[in-house]
């Protein structure tokens, strides 16, 4: 039977305890495993509480870099309700531990898999919270660089709340005196395959300013469609080749992606405009994180069918697969065999 043990092992009075049981771990990130932990507190000044304990191998140079990066970035973006809170950390020989706020609602990835797809109305609270969290990060010069379904945690006590996690691949840009970000090219190819922006190229360098917008666009598209739009935004993906050619001809991303499978795009006009602006291959034309907040779809929560201002003869959202949300009823329509089912993917840095 697994037992709680103090961390570090040599200190039985340690503030931290972990249940380091591989069969009961909470998750597995791109760098390190996450276990259930306890912050034993310090009386009235710091009450005991459950936490997530992320274990990293400091003997591995890549994991050490991610460990140090995540600590720096979490401290820089602290204080936002939709970003996971850092409780503390410690190093114990070749072990590194990061102790984090516990998000007990599971991953947004699991929410999507359980439902098949979400209605626009069901996806909206998650999208609005992610947009707010990213705007908070970017205002501090922090680019997350690994926004994906698995890195958005849900909160059991509030079904519409999320926590953005895993800042191990984040980078910090310099800020000018007016608070604007000083754009500099990066040379490392960081991120997760299906979510990586097309401009990320370690050979020639790239600006990281809008990579989070692209990744967020992949997340939102996948939530409301039930499938990944691309395998990867690179020339060896035929879907990407088609999207690039059609965007150059003036067609938006949503119509292009659905047209690949000879199906009409089912999204509302405001959502389609938003996704087209996020999944724009030309980085100069892609919407910024700040501008996301001003989009029509994100500014106003979608109504249920039949509510004031809605067309009662047309549903707010129609998907290719069944949604299990209470506010949507639809017929089953199977995914095309060429459509990419959402899968878990590990991050990488090259």
Protein backbone atom coordinates (compact mmCIF):
# COMPACT_ATOMS: atom_id res chain seq x y z
CA UNK A 1 0.00 0.00 0.00
CA UNK A 2 1.30 3.45 -0.92
CA UNK A 3 2.09 5.73 2.02
CA UNK A 4 2.46 9.42 2.43
CA UNK A 5 6.07 10.46 2.86
CA UNK A 6 7.63 13.77 3.82
CA UNK A 7 9.61 15.72 1.23
CA UNK A 8 12.55 15.88 1.48
CA UNK A 9 12.90 12.26 2.65
CA UNK A 10 15.54 13.18 5.21
CA UNK A 11 13.28 15.67 7.01
CA UNK A 12 10.27 14.13 8.81
CA UNK A 13 9.18 17.64 9.82
CA UNK A 14 8.96 18.81 6.22
CA UNK A 15 6.08 21.11 5.36
CA UNK A 16 5.31 18.92 2.35
CA UNK A 17 4.09 15.34 2.00
CA UNK A 18 3.44 13.35 -1.17
CA UNK A 19 1.63 10.16 -2.09
CA UNK A 20 4.16 9.01 -4.65
CA UNK A 21 2.22 6.12 -6.15
CA UNK A 22 2.57 5.63 -9.90
CA UNK A 23 -0.87 4.03 -10.08
CA UNK A 24 -2.49 7.07 -8.44
CA UNK A 25 -0.54 9.94 -9.97
CA UNK A 26 -2.62 12.93 -10.99
CA UNK A 27 -0.98 13.48 -14.33
CA UNK A 28 2.06 13.33 -16.54
CA UNK A 29 3.29 16.54 -18.11
CA UNK A 30 5.84 17.18 -20.81
CA UNK A 31 8.38 17.41 -18.01
CA UNK A 32 7.77 15.47 -14.80
CA UNK A 33 4.95 13.55 -13.11
CA UNK A 34 2.28 15.01 -10.84
CA UNK A 35 1.26 13.32 -7.58
CA UNK A 36 -1.17 14.09 -4.81
CA UNK A 37 0.45 16.21 -2.11
CA UNK A 38 -0.23 17.90 1.21
CA UNK A 39 0.87 21.25 2.51
CA UNK A 40 0.78 20.62 6.27
CA UNK A 41 0.52 24.34 6.94
CA UNK A 42 1.71 26.41 9.85
CA UNK A 43 -1.19 26.92 12.22
CA UNK A 44 -3.54 29.84 11.70
CA UNK A 45 -1.08 31.67 9.46
CA UNK A 46 -1.11 28.92 6.83
CA UNK A 47 -3.78 26.22 7.19
CA UNK A 48 -3.22 22.68 5.92
CA UNK A 49 -4.40 22.04 2.39
CA UNK A 50 -4.21 19.51 -0.42
CA UNK A 51 -1.95 20.30 -3.34
CA UNK A 52 -0.52 18.90 -6.54
CA UNK A 53 3.14 17.85 -6.26
CA UNK A 54 5.10 17.88 -9.52
CA UNK A 55 8.30 15.82 -9.46
CA UNK A 56 11.10 16.63 -11.90
CA UNK A 57 14.42 14.89 -12.42
CA UNK A 58 17.12 17.51 -11.95
CA UNK A 59 19.70 15.04 -13.28
CA UNK A 60 18.15 15.54 -16.72
CA UNK A 61 19.33 18.90 -18.15
CA UNK A 62 16.09 19.39 -20.10
CA UNK A 63 13.91 18.73 -17.06
CA UNK A 64 16.11 20.96 -14.87
CA UNK A 65 15.67 23.78 -17.37
CA UNK A 66 11.90 23.24 -17.39
CA UNK A 67 11.84 23.15 -13.56
CA UNK A 68 13.69 26.46 -13.25
CA UNK A 69 11.63 28.01 -16.04
CA UNK A 70 8.30 27.01 -14.54
CA UNK A 71 9.16 28.46 -11.15
CA UNK A 72 10.24 31.76 -12.68
CA UNK A 73 7.16 32.03 -14.88
CA UNK A 74 4.63 31.04 -12.21
CA UNK A 75 6.00 33.73 -9.91
CA UNK A 76 5.77 36.28 -12.73
CA UNK A 77 2.11 35.52 -13.56
CA UNK A 78 0.82 34.98 -10.01
CA UNK A 79 -2.48 36.45 -8.94
CA UNK A 80 -4.85 35.52 -11.77
CA UNK A 81 -7.93 33.43 -11.02
CA UNK A 82 -7.45 31.29 -14.16
CA UNK A 83 -3.76 30.49 -13.66
CA UNK A 84 -2.62 27.75 -11.31
CA UNK A 85 -1.17 29.08 -8.06
CA UNK A 86 2.35 28.20 -6.92
CA UNK A 87 2.42 27.18 -3.25
CA UNK A 88 6.13 26.41 -2.95
CA UNK A 89 9.03 24.34 -4.20
CA UNK A 90 12.15 22.55 -3.05
CA UNK A 91 15.15 20.63 -4.35
CA UNK A 92 16.26 17.38 -2.79
CA UNK A 93 19.41 16.11 -4.46
CA UNK A 94 18.44 15.14 -8.00
CA UNK A 95 14.72 15.61 -7.28
CA UNK A 96 12.89 18.85 -7.88
CA UNK A 97 9.39 19.39 -6.48
CA UNK A 98 6.88 22.09 -7.38
CA UNK A 99 3.82 22.32 -5.13
CA UNK A 100 0.76 23.76 -6.81
CA UNK A 101 -2.88 24.58 -6.23
CA UNK A 102 -5.06 21.50 -6.72
CA UNK A 103 -7.49 21.63 -9.65
CA UNK A 104 -9.84 18.71 -9.04
CA UNK A 105 -12.09 18.86 -12.10
CA UNK A 106 -9.81 17.03 -14.55
CA UNK A 107 -8.41 18.23 -17.86
CA UNK A 108 -10.28 20.11 -20.56
CA UNK A 109 -9.05 17.30 -22.83
CA UNK A 110 -11.15 14.79 -20.84
CA UNK A 111 -14.15 17.14 -20.95
CA UNK A 112 -13.93 17.11 -24.75
CA UNK A 113 -13.45 13.34 -25.02
CA UNK A 114 -16.40 12.70 -22.68
CA UNK A 115 -18.70 14.98 -24.68
CA UNK A 116 -17.49 14.35 -28.22
CA UNK A 117 -17.76 18.09 -28.78
CA UNK A 118 -19.14 21.11 -26.92
CA UNK A 119 -21.78 23.61 -27.90
CA UNK A 120 -20.58 27.16 -28.41
CA UNK A 121 -22.42 28.08 -25.23
CA UNK A 122 -20.69 25.30 -23.24
CA UNK A 123 -17.25 26.16 -24.65
CA UNK A 124 -17.57 29.90 -24.09
CA UNK A 125 -16.70 30.10 -20.34
CA UNK A 126 -13.53 28.07 -20.91
CA UNK A 127 -12.50 30.17 -23.90
CA UNK A 128 -13.18 33.46 -22.10
CA UNK A 129 -11.09 32.36 -19.10
CA UNK A 130 -8.19 31.17 -21.29
CA UNK A 131 -8.22 34.47 -23.18
CA UNK A 132 -8.13 36.39 -19.88
CA UNK A 133 -5.27 34.25 -18.53
CA UNK A 134 -3.20 34.70 -21.69
CA UNK A 135 -3.76 38.45 -21.68
CA UNK A 136 -2.52 38.54 -18.07
CA UNK A 137 0.58 36.55 -19.05
CA UNK A 138 1.39 38.65 -22.11
CA UNK A 139 1.01 41.88 -20.13
CA UNK A 140 3.96 40.61 -18.06
CA UNK A 141 5.97 39.57 -21.10
CA UNK A 142 5.27 35.84 -20.56
CA UNK A 143 4.54 33.67 -23.60
CA UNK A 144 3.19 30.27 -22.47
CA UNK A 145 4.16 28.37 -25.67
CA UNK A 146 2.34 25.17 -24.72
CA UNK A 147 -1.35 26.07 -24.64
CA UNK A 148 -3.27 22.82 -25.25
CA UNK A 149 -6.30 20.90 -23.99
CA UNK A 150 -4.20 18.94 -21.48
CA UNK A 151 -2.81 22.15 -19.96
CA UNK A 152 -6.20 23.57 -19.08
CA UNK A 153 -7.52 22.12 -15.82
CA UNK A 154 -11.12 22.32 -14.66
CA UNK A 155 -12.31 23.20 -11.17
CA UNK A 156 -14.77 20.80 -9.51
CA UNK A 157 -16.37 23.51 -7.35
CA UNK A 158 -17.07 25.73 -10.37
CA UNK A 159 -17.76 23.81 -13.60
CA UNK A 160 -17.13 26.88 -15.76
CA UNK A 161 -13.76 27.79 -14.19
CA UNK A 162 -10.33 26.74 -15.49
CA UNK A 163 -6.69 26.87 -14.43
CA UNK A 164 -3.94 27.28 -17.02
CA UNK A 165 -1.01 25.05 -16.03
CA UNK A 166 2.47 23.87 -17.08
CA UNK A 167 4.72 26.84 -17.75
CA UNK A 168 7.81 24.69 -18.33
CA UNK A 169 8.20 25.89 -21.94
CA UNK A 170 7.23 29.51 -21.31
CA UNK A 171 9.58 32.37 -22.16
CA UNK A 172 9.85 35.90 -20.82
CA UNK A 173 10.21 38.81 -23.21
CA UNK A 174 11.59 42.22 -22.34
CA UNK A 175 9.12 45.06 -21.85
CA UNK A 176 9.59 48.60 -23.11
CA UNK A 177 9.02 51.58 -20.84
CA UNK A 178 5.43 51.87 -22.12
CA UNK A 179 4.71 48.26 -21.17
CA UNK A 180 4.79 46.92 -24.74
CA UNK A 181 6.72 43.75 -25.50
CA UNK A 182 10.05 44.07 -27.26
CA UNK A 183 9.88 41.54 -30.08
CA UNK A 184 12.90 39.26 -30.32
CA UNK A 185 13.43 36.10 -32.34
CA UNK A 186 13.77 32.77 -30.58
CA UNK A 187 15.69 29.77 -31.85
CA UNK A 188 14.22 26.86 -29.89
CA UNK A 189 11.36 24.85 -31.37
CA UNK A 190 9.14 24.52 -28.32
CA UNK A 191 5.57 23.32 -28.03
CA UNK A 192 3.27 20.40 -28.84
CA UNK A 193 2.88 19.10 -32.37
CA UNK A 194 -0.82 19.67 -33.10
CA UNK A 195 -0.80 23.12 -31.43
CA UNK A 196 2.50 24.57 -32.66
CA UNK A 197 2.21 27.73 -34.75
CA UNK A 198 3.45 27.64 -38.36
CA UNK A 199 6.12 30.29 -37.80
CA UNK A 200 8.00 28.20 -35.22
CA UNK A 201 11.21 27.28 -37.00
CA UNK A 202 14.41 26.81 -35.03
CA UNK A 203 16.55 27.17 -38.17
CA UNK A 204 15.68 30.78 -38.93
CA UNK A 205 14.18 31.90 -35.62
CA UNK A 206 10.68 33.19 -34.96
CA UNK A 207 8.73 35.78 -33.02
CA UNK A 208 6.82 34.19 -30.11
CA UNK A 209 4.30 37.02 -29.77
CA UNK A 210 1.38 35.21 -31.42
CA UNK A 211 2.15 31.51 -30.95
CA UNK A 212 -0.25 31.35 -27.98
CA UNK A 213 -3.06 32.75 -30.15
CA UNK A 214 -2.59 30.00 -32.75
CA UNK A 215 -2.50 27.28 -30.06
CA UNK A 216 -5.59 28.74 -28.38
CA UNK A 217 -7.30 28.69 -31.78
CA UNK A 218 -6.53 24.97 -32.10
CA UNK A 219 -7.98 24.38 -28.62
CA UNK A 220 -11.18 26.31 -29.34
CA UNK A 221 -11.69 24.79 -32.78
CA UNK A 222 -11.23 21.28 -31.36
CA UNK A 223 -13.69 21.92 -28.53
CA UNK A 224 -16.55 22.91 -30.80
CA UNK A 225 -15.82 20.55 -33.70
CA UNK A 226 -14.63 17.39 -31.97
CA UNK A 227 -11.52 17.03 -34.13
CA UNK A 228 -8.05 18.56 -34.61
CA UNK A 229 -7.90 20.85 -37.66
CA UNK A 230 -4.30 19.84 -38.45
CA UNK A 231 -1.77 17.19 -37.60
CA UNK A 232 0.87 19.92 -37.56
CA UNK A 233 1.25 23.34 -39.17
CA UNK A 234 4.08 22.16 -41.42
CA UNK A 235 4.41 21.45 -45.12
CA UNK A 236 4.48 17.66 -44.63
CA UNK A 237 0.84 17.76 -43.45
CA UNK A 238 -1.46 17.77 -46.51
CA UNK A 239 -4.18 19.47 -44.49
CA UNK A 240 -1.85 22.36 -43.75
CA UNK A 241 -0.82 22.63 -47.41
CA UNK A 242 -4.46 22.95 -48.40
CA UNK A 243 -5.22 25.48 -45.65
CA UNK A 244 -2.23 27.62 -46.64
CA UNK A 245 -3.18 27.62 -50.32
CA UNK A 246 -6.81 28.50 -49.64
CA UNK A 247 -5.95 31.23 -47.15
CA UNK A 248 -3.72 32.79 -49.79
CA UNK A 249 -6.79 32.73 -52.06
CA UNK A 250 -8.87 34.56 -49.45
CA UNK A 251 -10.76 31.69 -47.82
CA UNK A 252 -11.05 31.65 -44.04
CA UNK A 253 -9.68 28.83 -41.90
CA UNK A 254 -13.05 27.42 -40.81
CA UNK A 255 -14.54 27.16 -44.31
CA UNK A 256 -11.27 25.73 -45.60
CA UNK A 257 -10.96 23.06 -42.88
CA UNK A 258 -14.57 21.91 -43.18
CA UNK A 259 -14.35 22.11 -46.96
CA UNK A 260 -11.51 19.60 -46.79
CA UNK A 261 -14.12 17.04 -45.73
CA UNK A 262 -16.85 18.41 -48.05
CA UNK A 263 -18.95 19.64 -45.17
CA UNK A 264 -20.38 23.08 -44.37
CA UNK A 265 -18.90 24.86 -41.37
CA UNK A 266 -21.51 24.72 -38.57
CA UNK A 267 -20.20 27.59 -36.43
CA UNK A 268 -21.99 30.85 -35.77
CA UNK A 269 -20.73 33.83 -37.76
CA UNK A 270 -19.04 35.50 -34.72
CA UNK A 271 -17.19 32.31 -33.78
CA UNK A 272 -16.14 31.72 -37.37
CA UNK A 273 -14.69 35.23 -37.59
CA UNK A 274 -12.83 34.74 -34.32
CA UNK A 275 -11.33 31.39 -35.31
CA UNK A 276 -10.41 32.67 -38.76
CA UNK A 277 -8.46 35.49 -37.11
CA UNK A 278 -6.71 33.09 -34.70
CA UNK A 279 -5.85 30.37 -37.22
CA UNK A 280 -4.34 32.80 -39.70
CA UNK A 281 -1.06 31.42 -41.08
CA UNK A 282 0.22 34.92 -41.87
CA UNK A 283 1.41 35.96 -38.41
CA UNK A 284 1.17 39.66 -39.28
CA UNK A 285 -2.56 39.24 -39.97
CA UNK A 286 -3.25 36.98 -36.98
CA UNK A 287 -5.13 38.61 -34.11
CA UNK A 288 -3.16 39.56 -30.99
CA UNK A 289 -3.92 38.35 -27.47
CA UNK A 290 -5.08 41.82 -26.48
CA UNK A 291 -7.43 42.05 -29.47
CA UNK A 292 -9.06 38.71 -28.60
CA UNK A 293 -10.90 40.35 -25.74
CA UNK A 294 -12.64 42.68 -28.19
CA UNK A 295 -13.96 39.92 -30.46
CA UNK A 296 -17.73 39.76 -30.75
CA UNK A 297 -17.94 36.09 -29.76
CA UNK A 298 -15.78 36.36 -26.62
CA UNK A 299 -17.40 39.58 -25.41
CA UNK A 300 -20.90 38.12 -25.14
CA UNK A 301 -21.85 34.66 -23.90
CA UNK A 302 -23.83 32.76 -26.57
CA UNK A 303 -27.52 32.34 -25.78
CA UNK A 304 -29.49 29.12 -25.63
CA UNK A 305 -31.80 28.46 -28.56
CA UNK A 306 -35.03 30.36 -28.03
CA UNK A 307 -33.58 33.02 -25.73
CA UNK A 308 -34.18 36.65 -26.55
CA UNK A 309 -32.24 37.74 -29.61
CA UNK A 310 -31.80 34.18 -30.92
CA UNK A 311 -33.44 32.61 -33.94
CA UNK A 312 -35.70 29.90 -32.49
CA UNK A 313 -35.65 28.03 -35.81
CA UNK A 314 -31.90 27.54 -35.77
CA UNK A 315 -29.70 26.04 -33.08
CA UNK A 316 -26.79 27.99 -31.68
CA UNK A 317 -24.44 25.18 -32.58
CA UNK A 318 -24.47 22.06 -34.72
CA UNK A 319 -21.59 19.59 -34.48
CA UNK A 320 -20.30 16.65 -36.46
CA UNK A 321 -20.62 14.44 -33.39
CA UNK A 322 -23.10 14.23 -30.52
CA UNK A 323 -22.67 16.71 -27.72
CA UNK A 324 -23.73 15.61 -24.26
CA UNK A 325 -24.40 19.13 -23.04
CA UNK A 326 -27.91 19.64 -21.69
CA UNK A 327 -28.50 22.75 -23.80
CA UNK A 328 -27.96 21.03 -27.17
CA UNK A 329 -29.82 18.22 -28.89
CA UNK A 330 -28.59 16.96 -32.24
CA UNK A 331 -28.40 13.93 -34.46
CA UNK A 332 -25.28 11.78 -34.57
CA UNK A 333 -23.08 12.49 -37.57
CA UNK A 334 -19.88 10.43 -37.67
CA UNK A 335 -16.48 11.96 -38.18
CA UNK A 336 -14.86 11.47 -41.55
CA UNK A 337 -12.13 8.82 -41.46
CA UNK A 338 -9.55 11.48 -42.36
CA UNK A 339 -10.53 13.75 -39.49
CA UNK A 340 -8.04 13.76 -36.64
CA UNK A 341 -9.50 12.61 -33.33
CA UNK A 342 -8.04 14.57 -30.41
CA UNK A 343 -5.18 12.68 -28.80
CA UNK A 344 -2.86 13.39 -25.90
CA UNK A 345 0.49 14.72 -27.07
CA UNK A 346 3.68 15.44 -25.20
CA UNK A 347 5.49 18.74 -25.46
CA UNK A 348 9.03 19.01 -26.73
CA UNK A 349 11.83 21.53 -26.94
CA UNK A 350 14.40 21.26 -29.75
